[in-house]
C-alpha atoms as a PDB file:
ATOM      1  CA  MET A   1      -5.355  29.718 -48.074  1.00  0.00           C
ATOM      2  CA  ARG A   2      -2.491  28.621 -50.334  1.00  0.00           C
ATOM      3  CA  ILE A   3       0.345  26.497 -48.924  1.00  0.00           C
ATOM      4  CA  THR A   4       3.410  25.729 -50.970  1.00  0.00           C
ATOM      5  CA  PHE A   5       5.084  22.319 -50.833  1.00  0.00           C
ATOM      6  CA  SER A   6       8.070  23.584 -48.867  1.00  0.00           C
ATOM      7  CA  SER A   7       5.932  25.371 -46.284  1.00  0.00           C
ATOM      8  CA  GLY A   8       3.716  22.291 -45.917  1.00  0.00           C
ATOM      9  CA  VAL A   9       6.734  20.131 -45.176  1.00  0.00           C
ATOM     10  CA  ALA A  10       7.930  22.628 -42.590  1.00  0.00           C
ATOM     11  CA  LEU A  11       4.487  22.632 -40.929  1.00  0.00           C
ATOM     12  CA  LEU A  12       4.374  18.838 -40.708  1.00  0.00           C
ATOM     13  CA  SER A  13       7.883  18.767 -39.238  1.00  0.00           C
ATOM     14  CA  ALA A  14       6.876  21.281 -36.561  1.00  0.00           C
ATOM     15  CA  LEU A  15       3.802  19.244 -35.619  1.00  0.00           C
ATOM     16  CA  ALA A  16       5.879  16.079 -35.400  1.00  0.00           C
ATOM     17  CA  ALA A  17       8.353  17.784 -33.107  1.00  0.00           C
ATOM     18  CA  ALA A  18       5.558  19.035 -30.830  1.00  0.00           C
ATOM     19  CA  ALA A  19       3.957  15.592 -30.489  1.00  0.00           C
ATOM     20  CA  PRO A  20       5.120  13.194 -27.751  1.00  0.00           C
ATOM     21  CA  ALA A  21       7.874  10.861 -28.841  1.00  0.00           C
ATOM     22  CA  ILE A  22       6.469   7.373 -29.490  1.00  0.00           C
ATOM     23  CA  ALA A  23       8.833   4.449 -29.923  1.00  0.00           C
ATOM     24  CA  SER A  24       8.210   2.263 -32.936  1.00  0.00           C
ATOM     25  CA  GLU A  25       9.117  -0.922 -31.076  1.00  0.00           C
ATOM     26  CA  ALA A  26       7.822  -2.715 -28.024  1.00  0.00           C
ATOM     27  CA  ALA A  27       9.747  -4.940 -25.669  1.00  0.00           C
ATOM     28  CA  GLU A  28      10.219  -8.591 -26.445  1.00  0.00           C
ATOM     29  CA  PRO A  29       8.478 -11.144 -24.222  1.00  0.00           C
ATOM     30  CA  PHE A  30      10.427 -11.714 -21.036  1.00  0.00           C
ATOM     31  CA  THR A  31      11.878 -15.138 -20.330  1.00  0.00           C
ATOM     32  CA  ALA A  32      12.059 -15.826 -16.609  1.00  0.00           C
ATOM     33  CA  SER A  33      14.428 -18.245 -14.898  1.00  0.00           C
ATOM     34  CA  ARG A  34      13.548 -21.913 -15.263  1.00  0.00           C
ATOM     35  CA  ASP A  35      14.627 -22.563 -11.696  1.00  0.00           C
ATOM     36  CA  GLY A  36      11.560 -22.741  -9.452  1.00  0.00           C
ATOM     37  CA  ALA A  37      13.098 -20.988  -6.451  1.00  0.00           C
ATOM     38  CA  ALA A  38      14.598 -18.227  -8.596  1.00  0.00           C
ATOM     39  CA  PHE A  39      11.251 -17.692 -10.332  1.00  0.00           C
ATOM     40  CA  GLU A  40       9.485 -17.343  -6.985  1.00  0.00           C
ATOM     41  CA  ARG A  41      11.995 -14.684  -5.878  1.00  0.00           C
ATOM     42  CA  SER A  42      11.518 -12.824  -9.160  1.00  0.00           C
ATOM     43  CA  LEU A  43       7.765 -13.010  -8.714  1.00  0.00           C
ATOM     44  CA  GLN A  44       7.999 -11.711  -5.153  1.00  0.00           C
ATOM     45  CA  CYS A  45      10.149  -8.707  -6.070  1.00  0.00           C
ATOM     46  CA  LEU A  46       8.154  -7.789  -9.181  1.00  0.00           C
ATOM     47  CA  ALA A  47       4.867  -8.087  -7.297  1.00  0.00           C
ATOM     48  CA  GLU A  48       6.268  -5.770  -4.617  1.00  0.00           C
ATOM     49  CA  ALA A  49       7.120  -3.150  -7.235  1.00  0.00           C
ATOM     50  CA  VAL A  50       3.654  -3.422  -8.784  1.00  0.00           C
ATOM     51  CA  TYR A  51       1.923  -3.297  -5.404  1.00  0.00           C
ATOM     52  CA  TYR A  52       3.792  -0.415  -3.792  1.00  0.00           C
ATOM     53  CA  GLU A  53       4.278   1.678  -6.930  1.00  0.00           C
ATOM     54  CA  ALA A  54       0.815   1.300  -8.478  1.00  0.00           C
ATOM     55  CA  ARG A  55      -1.512  -0.264  -5.915  1.00  0.00           C
ATOM     56  CA  SER A  56      -4.273   2.310  -6.560  1.00  0.00           C
ATOM     57  CA  GLN A  57      -3.879   2.169 -10.349  1.00  0.00           C
ATOM     58  CA  SER A  58      -5.842   0.155 -12.888  1.00  0.00           C
ATOM     59  CA  GLU A  59      -4.507  -3.113 -14.245  1.00  0.00           C
ATOM     60  CA  ASP A  60      -3.021  -1.209 -17.191  1.00  0.00           C
ATOM     61  CA  GLY A  61      -1.193   1.096 -14.785  1.00  0.00           C
ATOM     62  CA  GLN A  62       0.206  -1.867 -12.901  1.00  0.00           C
ATOM     63  CA  ARG A  63       1.202  -3.716 -16.065  1.00  0.00           C
ATOM     64  CA  ALA A  64       3.056  -0.592 -17.187  1.00  0.00           C
ATOM     65  CA  VAL A  65       5.150  -0.534 -13.991  1.00  0.00           C
ATOM     66  CA  ALA A  66       5.960  -4.236 -14.341  1.00  0.00           C
ATOM     67  CA  GLN A  67       7.061  -3.640 -17.942  1.00  0.00           C
ATOM     68  CA  VAL A  68       9.503  -0.910 -16.922  1.00  0.00           C
ATOM     69  CA  VAL A  69      11.102  -3.216 -14.349  1.00  0.00           C
ATOM     70  CA  LEU A  70      11.594  -5.959 -16.935  1.00  0.00           C
ATOM     71  CA  ASN A  71      12.903  -3.446 -19.470  1.00  0.00           C
ATOM     72  CA  ARG A  72      15.578  -2.455 -16.971  1.00  0.00           C
ATOM     73  CA  VAL A  73      16.575  -6.072 -16.374  1.00  0.00           C
ATOM     74  CA  ARG A  74      17.592  -6.310 -20.050  1.00  0.00           C
ATOM     75  CA  HIS A  75      19.289  -2.902 -20.263  1.00  0.00           C
ATOM     76  CA  PRO A  76      23.068  -2.757 -19.605  1.00  0.00           C
ATOM     77  CA  SER A  77      22.667   0.247 -17.290  1.00  0.00           C
ATOM     78  CA  TYR A  78      20.837  -1.807 -14.656  1.00  0.00           C
ATOM     79  CA  PRO A  79      21.260  -5.093 -12.759  1.00  0.00           C
ATOM     80  CA  ASN A  80      20.387  -8.227 -14.703  1.00  0.00           C
ATOM     81  CA  SER A  81      17.845  -9.630 -12.233  1.00  0.00           C
ATOM     82  CA  VAL A  82      14.366  -8.547 -11.154  1.00  0.00           C
ATOM     83  CA  CYS A  83      15.225  -8.240  -7.463  1.00  0.00           C
ATOM     84  CA  GLY A  84      18.468  -6.493  -8.377  1.00  0.00           C
ATOM     85  CA  VAL A  85      16.545  -3.858 -10.349  1.00  0.00           C
ATOM     86  CA  VAL A  86      13.777  -3.381  -7.785  1.00  0.00           C
ATOM     87  CA  TYR A  87      16.125  -3.091  -4.806  1.00  0.00           C
ATOM     88  CA  GLN A  88      18.914  -1.204  -6.544  1.00  0.00           C
ATOM     89  CA  GLY A  89      20.303   1.355  -4.091  1.00  0.00           C
ATOM     90  CA  SER A  90      18.078   0.237  -1.212  1.00  0.00           C
ATOM     91  CA  GLU A  91      21.100  -0.427   0.990  1.00  0.00           C
ATOM     92  CA  ARG A  92      21.850   3.306   1.032  1.00  0.00           C
ATOM     93  CA  VAL A  93      19.990   6.064   2.859  1.00  0.00           C
ATOM     94  CA  THR A  94      19.530   7.865  -0.454  1.00  0.00           C
ATOM     95  CA  GLY A  95      19.706   6.598  -3.998  1.00  0.00           C
ATOM     96  CA  CYS A  96      17.069   3.844  -4.042  1.00  0.00           C
ATOM     97  CA  GLN A  97      15.421   3.469  -7.438  1.00  0.00           C
ATOM     98  CA  PHE A  98      12.002   2.669  -5.967  1.00  0.00           C
ATOM     99  CA  THR A  99      11.026   4.669  -2.893  1.00  0.00           C
ATOM    100  CA  PHE A 100       9.191   1.871  -1.120  1.00  0.00           C
ATOM    101  CA  THR A 101      12.455  -0.077  -0.750  1.00  0.00           C
ATOM    102  CA  CYS A 102      14.068   2.545   1.471  1.00  0.00           C
ATOM    103  CA  ASP A 103      11.325   4.453   3.311  1.00  0.00           C
ATOM    104  CA  GLY A 104       9.928   1.669   5.493  1.00  0.00           C
ATOM    105  CA  SER A 105       6.702   1.180   3.496  1.00  0.00           C
ATOM    106  CA  ILE A 106       7.473  -2.478   2.925  1.00  0.00           C
ATOM    107  CA  SER A 107       7.382  -3.180   6.675  1.00  0.00           C
ATOM    108  CA  GLY A 108       3.698  -2.291   6.973  1.00  0.00           C
ATOM    109  CA  ALA A 109       0.588  -4.418   6.572  1.00  0.00           C
ATOM    110  CA  ILE A 110      -0.784  -5.192   3.124  1.00  0.00           C
ATOM    111  CA  GLU A 111      -4.207  -5.385   1.514  1.00  0.00           C
ATOM    112  CA  PRO A 112      -4.778  -9.039   0.588  1.00  0.00           C
ATOM    113  CA  TYR A 113      -6.901  -8.380  -2.506  1.00  0.00           C
ATOM    114  CA  ALA A 114      -4.489  -5.786  -3.924  1.00  0.00           C
ATOM    115  CA  TRP A 115      -1.515  -8.070  -3.220  1.00  0.00           C
ATOM    116  CA  ASP A 116      -3.164 -10.988  -5.035  1.00  0.00           C
ATOM    117  CA  ARG A 117      -3.785  -8.793  -8.068  1.00  0.00           C
ATOM    118  CA  ALA A 118      -0.180  -7.553  -8.056  1.00  0.00           C
ATOM    119  CA  GLN A 119       1.067 -11.135  -7.967  1.00  0.00           C
ATOM    120  CA  ARG A 120      -1.177 -12.110 -10.855  1.00  0.00           C
ATOM    121  CA  ILE A 121       0.037  -9.220 -13.019  1.00  0.00           C
ATOM    122  CA  ALA A 122       3.681  -9.881 -12.116  1.00  0.00           C
ATOM    123  CA  ALA A 123       3.356 -13.581 -12.936  1.00  0.00           C
ATOM    124  CA  ALA A 124       1.860 -12.793 -16.346  1.00  0.00           C
ATOM    125  CA  ALA A 125       4.714 -10.380 -17.147  1.00  0.00           C
ATOM    126  CA  LEU A 126       7.348 -12.933 -16.142  1.00  0.00           C
ATOM    127  CA  ARG A 127       5.702 -15.499 -18.401  1.00  0.00           C
ATOM    128  CA  GLY A 128       5.920 -13.276 -21.490  1.00  0.00           C
ATOM    129  CA  SER A 129       3.000 -10.828 -21.352  1.00  0.00           C
ATOM    130  CA  VAL A 130       4.097  -7.484 -22.862  1.00  0.00           C
ATOM    131  CA  TYR A 131       2.436  -4.140 -22.189  1.00  0.00           C
ATOM    132  CA  ARG A 132       3.075  -2.450 -25.519  1.00  0.00           C
ATOM    133  CA  PRO A 133       1.968   1.177 -24.770  1.00  0.00           C
ATOM    134  CA  VAL A 134       5.076   1.895 -22.661  1.00  0.00           C
ATOM    135  CA  GLY A 135       7.346   0.485 -25.354  1.00  0.00           C
ATOM    136  CA  LEU A 136      10.955   0.451 -24.193  1.00  0.00           C
ATOM    137  CA  ALA A 137      10.487   2.951 -21.364  1.00  0.00           C
ATOM    138  CA  LEU A 138      13.000   2.848 -18.536  1.00  0.00           C
ATOM    139  CA  ASN A 139      11.765   5.680 -16.307  1.00  0.00           C
ATOM    140  CA  TYR A 140       8.503   7.046 -14.993  1.00  0.00           C
ATOM    141  CA  HIS A 141       7.118   9.457 -12.418  1.00  0.00           C
ATOM    142  CA  THR A 142       3.689  10.418 -11.129  1.00  0.00           C
ATOM    143  CA  THR A 143       1.713  13.155 -12.853  1.00  0.00           C
ATOM    144  CA  ALA A 144       1.808  15.172  -9.611  1.00  0.00           C
ATOM    145  CA  ILE A 145       5.537  15.957  -9.896  1.00  0.00           C
ATOM    146  CA  ARG A 146       8.030  17.110 -12.491  1.00  0.00           C
ATOM    147  CA  PRO A 147      11.512  15.707 -11.713  1.00  0.00           C
ATOM    148  CA  TYR A 148      14.631  17.459 -12.903  1.00  0.00           C
ATOM    149  CA  TRP A 149      15.578  14.601 -15.250  1.00  0.00           C
ATOM    150  CA  ALA A 150      12.304  14.558 -17.209  1.00  0.00           C
ATOM    151  CA  PRO A 151      13.341  17.125 -19.883  1.00  0.00           C
ATOM    152  CA  SER A 152      16.396  15.041 -20.779  1.00  0.00           C
ATOM    153  CA  LEU A 153      14.263  12.005 -21.701  1.00  0.00           C
ATOM    154  CA  MET A 154      11.655  11.331 -24.371  1.00  0.00           C
ATOM    155  CA  GLN A 155       8.088  10.997 -23.208  1.00  0.00           C
ATOM    156  CA  GLN A 156       6.622   7.683 -24.238  1.00  0.00           C
ATOM    157  CA  ALA A 157       3.124   7.460 -22.744  1.00  0.00           C
ATOM    158  CA  VAL A 158       0.865   8.504 -19.892  1.00  0.00           C
ATOM    159  CA  VAL A 159      -0.872   5.579 -18.212  1.00  0.00           C
ATOM    160  CA  GLY A 160      -3.070   6.355 -15.230  1.00  0.00           C
ATOM    161  CA  ALA A 161      -1.160   8.530 -12.774  1.00  0.00           C
ATOM    162  CA  HIS A 162       2.299   7.840 -14.269  1.00  0.00           C
ATOM    163  CA  VAL A 163       4.261   9.411 -17.123  1.00  0.00           C
ATOM    164  CA  PHE A 164       6.677   7.020 -18.852  1.00  0.00           C
ATOM    165  CA  TYR A 165       9.918   7.944 -20.627  1.00  0.00           C
ATOM    166  CA  ARG A 166      12.462   6.245 -22.841  1.00  0.00           C
ATOM    167  CA  ARG A 167      16.072   7.267 -23.121  1.00  0.00           C
ATOM    168  CA  PRO A 168      17.548   8.825 -26.256  1.00  0.00           C
ATOM    169  CA  GLY A 169      19.443   6.123 -28.092  1.00  0.00           C
ATOM    170  CA  SER A 170      17.461   3.308 -26.407  1.00  0.00           C
ATOM    171  CA  GLY A 171      14.508   3.218 -28.749  1.00  0.00           C
ATOM    172  CA  THR A 172      15.220  -0.153 -30.305  1.00  0.00           C
ATOM    173  CA  VAL A 173      15.340  -3.652 -28.869  1.00  0.00           C
ATOM    174  CA  GLU A 174      18.988  -3.909 -29.886  1.00  0.00           C
ATOM    175  CA  SER A 175      19.804  -1.518 -27.034  1.00  0.00           C
ATOM    176  CA  PHE A 176      18.428  -4.043 -24.556  1.00  0.00           C
ATOM    177  CA  SER A 177      21.184  -6.569 -25.001  1.00  0.00           C
ATOM    178  CA  GLN A 178      21.663  -7.694 -21.412  1.00  0.00           C
ATOM    179  CA  THR A 179      20.763 -11.322 -20.707  1.00  0.00           C
ATOM    180  CA  PRO A 180      18.653 -11.803 -17.562  1.00  0.00           C
ATOM    181  CA  SER A 181      20.343 -13.886 -14.888  1.00  0.00           C
ATOM    182  CA  GLU A 182      19.198 -17.437 -14.257  1.00  0.00           C
ATOM    183  CA  ASP A 183      19.763 -16.826 -10.554  1.00  0.00           C
ATOM    184  CA  GLU A 184      17.740 -14.355  -8.504  1.00  0.00           C
ATOM    185  CA  PRO A 185      19.530 -12.876  -5.468  1.00  0.00           C
ATOM    186  CA  GLU A 186      17.787 -11.955  -2.281  1.00  0.00           C
ATOM    187  CA  PRO A 187      17.151  -8.214  -1.837  1.00  0.00           C
ATOM    188  CA  ALA A 188      19.868  -6.277  -0.043  1.00  0.00           C
ATOM    189  CA  PRO A 189      19.165  -5.620   3.662  1.00  0.00           C
ATOM    190  CA  ARG A 190      17.946  -2.189   4.734  1.00  0.00           C
ATOM    191  CA  PRO A 191      19.672  -1.644   8.106  1.00  0.00           C
ATOM    192  CA  TYR A 192      19.070   2.097   8.269  1.00  0.00           C
ATOM    193  CA  TYR A 193      15.301   1.808   8.612  1.00  0.00           C
ATOM    194  CA  GLU A 194      14.428   1.839  12.293  1.00  0.00           C
ATOM    195  CA  ALA A 195      11.047   0.619  13.450  1.00  0.00           C
ATOM    196  CA  PRO A 196       9.167   2.771  15.989  1.00  0.00           C
ATOM    197  CA  ARG A 197      10.207   2.308  19.587  1.00  0.00           C
ATOM    198  CA  GLY A 198       8.615  -0.723  21.182  1.00  0.00           C
ATOM    199  CA  GLU A 199       7.906  -2.356  17.819  1.00  0.00           C
ATOM    200  CA  ALA A 200      10.022  -5.312  16.763  1.00  0.00           C
ATOM    201  CA  ARG A 201      11.543  -4.940  13.321  1.00  0.00           C
ATOM    202  CA  GLN A 202      10.245  -7.514  10.858  1.00  0.00           C
ATOM    203  CA  SER A 203      11.257  -8.273   7.324  1.00  0.00           C
ATOM    204  CA  GLY A 204       8.888  -7.313   4.534  1.00  0.00           C
ATOM    205  CA  ARG A 205       8.449 -10.954   3.564  1.00  0.00           C
ATOM    206  CA  ALA A 206       7.330 -11.939   7.057  1.00  0.00           C
ATOM    207  CA  THR A 207       4.883  -9.044   7.117  1.00  0.00           C
ATOM    208  CA  ARG A 208       3.404  -9.878   3.745  1.00  0.00           C
ATOM    209  CA  ALA A 209       2.774 -13.432   4.920  1.00  0.00           C
ATOM    210  CA  ARG A 210       0.279 -12.091   7.444  1.00  0.00           C
ATOM    211  CA  TYR A 211      -2.851 -11.988   5.348  1.00  0.00           C
ATOM    212  CA  GLU A 212      -5.270 -12.530   8.208  1.00  0.00           C
ATOM    213  CA  GLN A 213      -5.659  -9.582  10.506  1.00  0.00           C
ATOM    214  CA  ALA A 214      -6.006 -10.258  14.206  1.00  0.00           C
ATOM    215  CA  VAL A 215      -9.537  -9.651  15.477  1.00  0.00           C
ATOM    216  CA  LEU A 216      -9.692  -7.571  18.617  1.00  0.00           C
ATOM    217  CA  GLU A 217     -12.566  -8.724  20.829  1.00  0.00           C
ATOM    218  CA  ILE A 218     -13.718  -6.363  23.563  1.00  0.00           C
ATOM    219  CA  PRO A 219     -15.944  -8.042  26.175  1.00  0.00           C
ATOM    220  CA  VAL A 220     -19.176  -6.203  26.842  1.00  0.00           C
ATOM    221  CA  VAL A 221     -21.021  -6.792  30.109  1.00  0.00           C
ATOM    222  CA  GLU A 222     -24.747  -6.418  29.571  1.00  0.00           C
ATOM    223  CA  ARG A 223     -26.831  -5.463  32.571  1.00  0.00           C
ATOM    224  CA  PRO A 224     -30.635  -5.356  32.570  1.00  0.00           C
ATOM    225  CA  VAL A 225     -32.164  -1.921  32.673  1.00  0.00           C
ATOM    226  CA  VAL A 226     -35.256  -1.675  34.898  1.00  0.00           C
ATOM    227  CA  PHE A 227     -37.577   1.192  34.233  1.00  0.00           C
ATOM    228  CA  ARG A 228     -41.249   1.903  34.853  1.00  0.00           C
ATOM    229  CA  THR A 229     -43.471   4.571  33.440  1.00  0.00           C
ATOM    230  CA  VAL A 230     -45.722   6.661  35.643  1.00  0.00           C
ATOM    231  CA  GLY A 231     -48.838   4.758  36.586  1.00  0.00           C
ATOM    232  CA  GLN A 232     -47.551   1.416  35.273  1.00  0.00           C
ATOM    233  CA  ARG A 233     -47.455  -1.574  37.598  1.00  0.00           C
ATOM    234  CA  PRO A 234     -44.067  -3.280  37.723  1.00  0.00           C
ATOM    235  CA  ALA A 235     -43.818  -6.579  35.884  1.00  0.00           C
ATOM    236  CA  ALA A 236     -43.843  -9.762  37.924  1.00  0.00           C
ATOM    237  CA  GLY A 237     -40.332 -10.870  38.774  1.00  0.00           C
ATOM    238  CA  SER A 238     -38.786  -7.478  38.156  1.00  0.00           C
ATOM    239  CA  ARG A 239     -36.659  -5.779  40.733  1.00  0.00           C
ATOM    240  CA  ALA A 240     -39.267  -3.104  41.275  1.00  0.00           C
ATOM    241  CA  ALA A 241     -41.915  -5.787  42.040  1.00  0.00           C
ATOM    242  CA  ARG A 242     -39.817  -7.532  44.642  1.00  0.00           C
ATOM    243  CA  PRO A 243     -40.571  -6.763  48.304  1.00  0.00           C
ATOM    244  CA  GLN A 244     -38.212  -4.163  49.615  1.00  0.00           C
ATOM    245  CA  PRO A 245     -36.770  -4.399  53.149  1.00  0.00           C
ATOM    246  CA  ALA A 246     -38.398  -2.184  55.736  1.00  0.00           C
ATOM    247  CA  ALA A 247     -36.686   1.053  56.386  1.00  0.00           C
ATOM    248  CA  ALA A 248     -34.778   1.335  59.630  1.00  0.00           C
ATOM    249  CA  PRO A 249     -36.668   3.245  62.325  1.00  0.00           C
ATOM    250  CA  VAL A 250     -35.635   6.814  62.802  1.00  0.00           C
ATOM    251  CA  ARG A 251     -34.312   7.465  66.279  1.00  0.00           C
ATOM    252  CA  ARG A 252     -35.416  10.723  67.808  1.00  0.00           C
ATOM    253  CA  ALA A 253     -34.015  12.649  70.736  1.00  0.00           C
ATOM    254  CA  PRO A 254     -35.753  11.663  74.044  1.00  0.00           C
ATOM    255  CA  ARG A 255     -38.412  14.008  75.555  1.00  0.00           C
ATOM    256  CA  VAL A 256     -37.589  14.984  79.082  1.00  0.00           C
ATOM    257  CA  THR A 257     -40.249  15.948  81.645  1.00  0.00           C
ATOM    258  CA  VAL A 258     -40.043  16.575  85.377  1.00  0.00           C
ATOM    259  CA  GLN A 259     -42.631  14.942  87.599  1.00  0.00           C
ATOM    260  CA  ASN A 260     -42.466  15.493  91.392  1.00  0.00           C
ATOM    261  CA  GLY A 261     -38.865  16.557  91.040  1.00  0.00           C
ATOM    262  CA  VAL A 262     -37.919  13.463  88.997  1.00  0.00           C
ATOM    263  CA  ARG A 263     -36.775  13.672  85.417  1.00  0.00           C
ATOM    264  CA  VAL A 264     -38.678  11.285  83.115  1.00  0.00           C
ATOM    265  CA  TYR A 265     -37.250  10.374  79.668  1.00  0.00           C
ATOM    266  CA  ARG A 266     -39.734   9.274  76.979  1.00  0.00           C
ATOM    267  CA  GLY A 267     -39.070   8.198  73.387  1.00  0.00           C
ATOM    268  CA  SER A 268     -35.530   6.971  73.910  1.00  0.00           C
END
């Protein structure tokens, strides 16, 4: 088969267009707030995103989610704090950026081991660890769905059960010019979520503090079972070996006879 130079160039261009778009740059290491309280709030919010968005994923899958959150913090289209990005839109019935912030999931119990791992991964990301495969991605969705906005973005990578995308025109670090805030606000309240009737509403932070599950103890009353096989003598001290009270005598109707014109009652 003979391929001319011009046709070879056209073939390579077609293959390049068919391949997923890969950014040539990765995010810069994130610099978290130097204030201790602000850092703890950032850690809490980022760990929540990692836990609820990728709890069943591998460490790579969780690091990828954390990277997207930090990418958004430095992009002008999003809030400039970790909690601001994670809870963006959570005060509305619709429009939350992360579903767990507006569907009541955060009010449930947590798995201690998975939560510890999410905190560890979030802490590493806040201290400068970069997950390079997702590059400068700002969006993602699970492989089980195909959202309407996916065709308008450029696919960056598939990590675990998530597909990551970067925006056209945001493929360089220069596009991420927003400076992260030194202060970290508390997440916006979610007043529209109503707990089931009879259940007191608790904040997600109070729920996550309950690592130890209450142990429900059901008392069991054990009673001895006395049994005896056919032909076996009862054991000494058992209920069957104890003397039983005599049965009450059975009263029978009296027998009446007549002797010399006199009625005689016997057996009464």
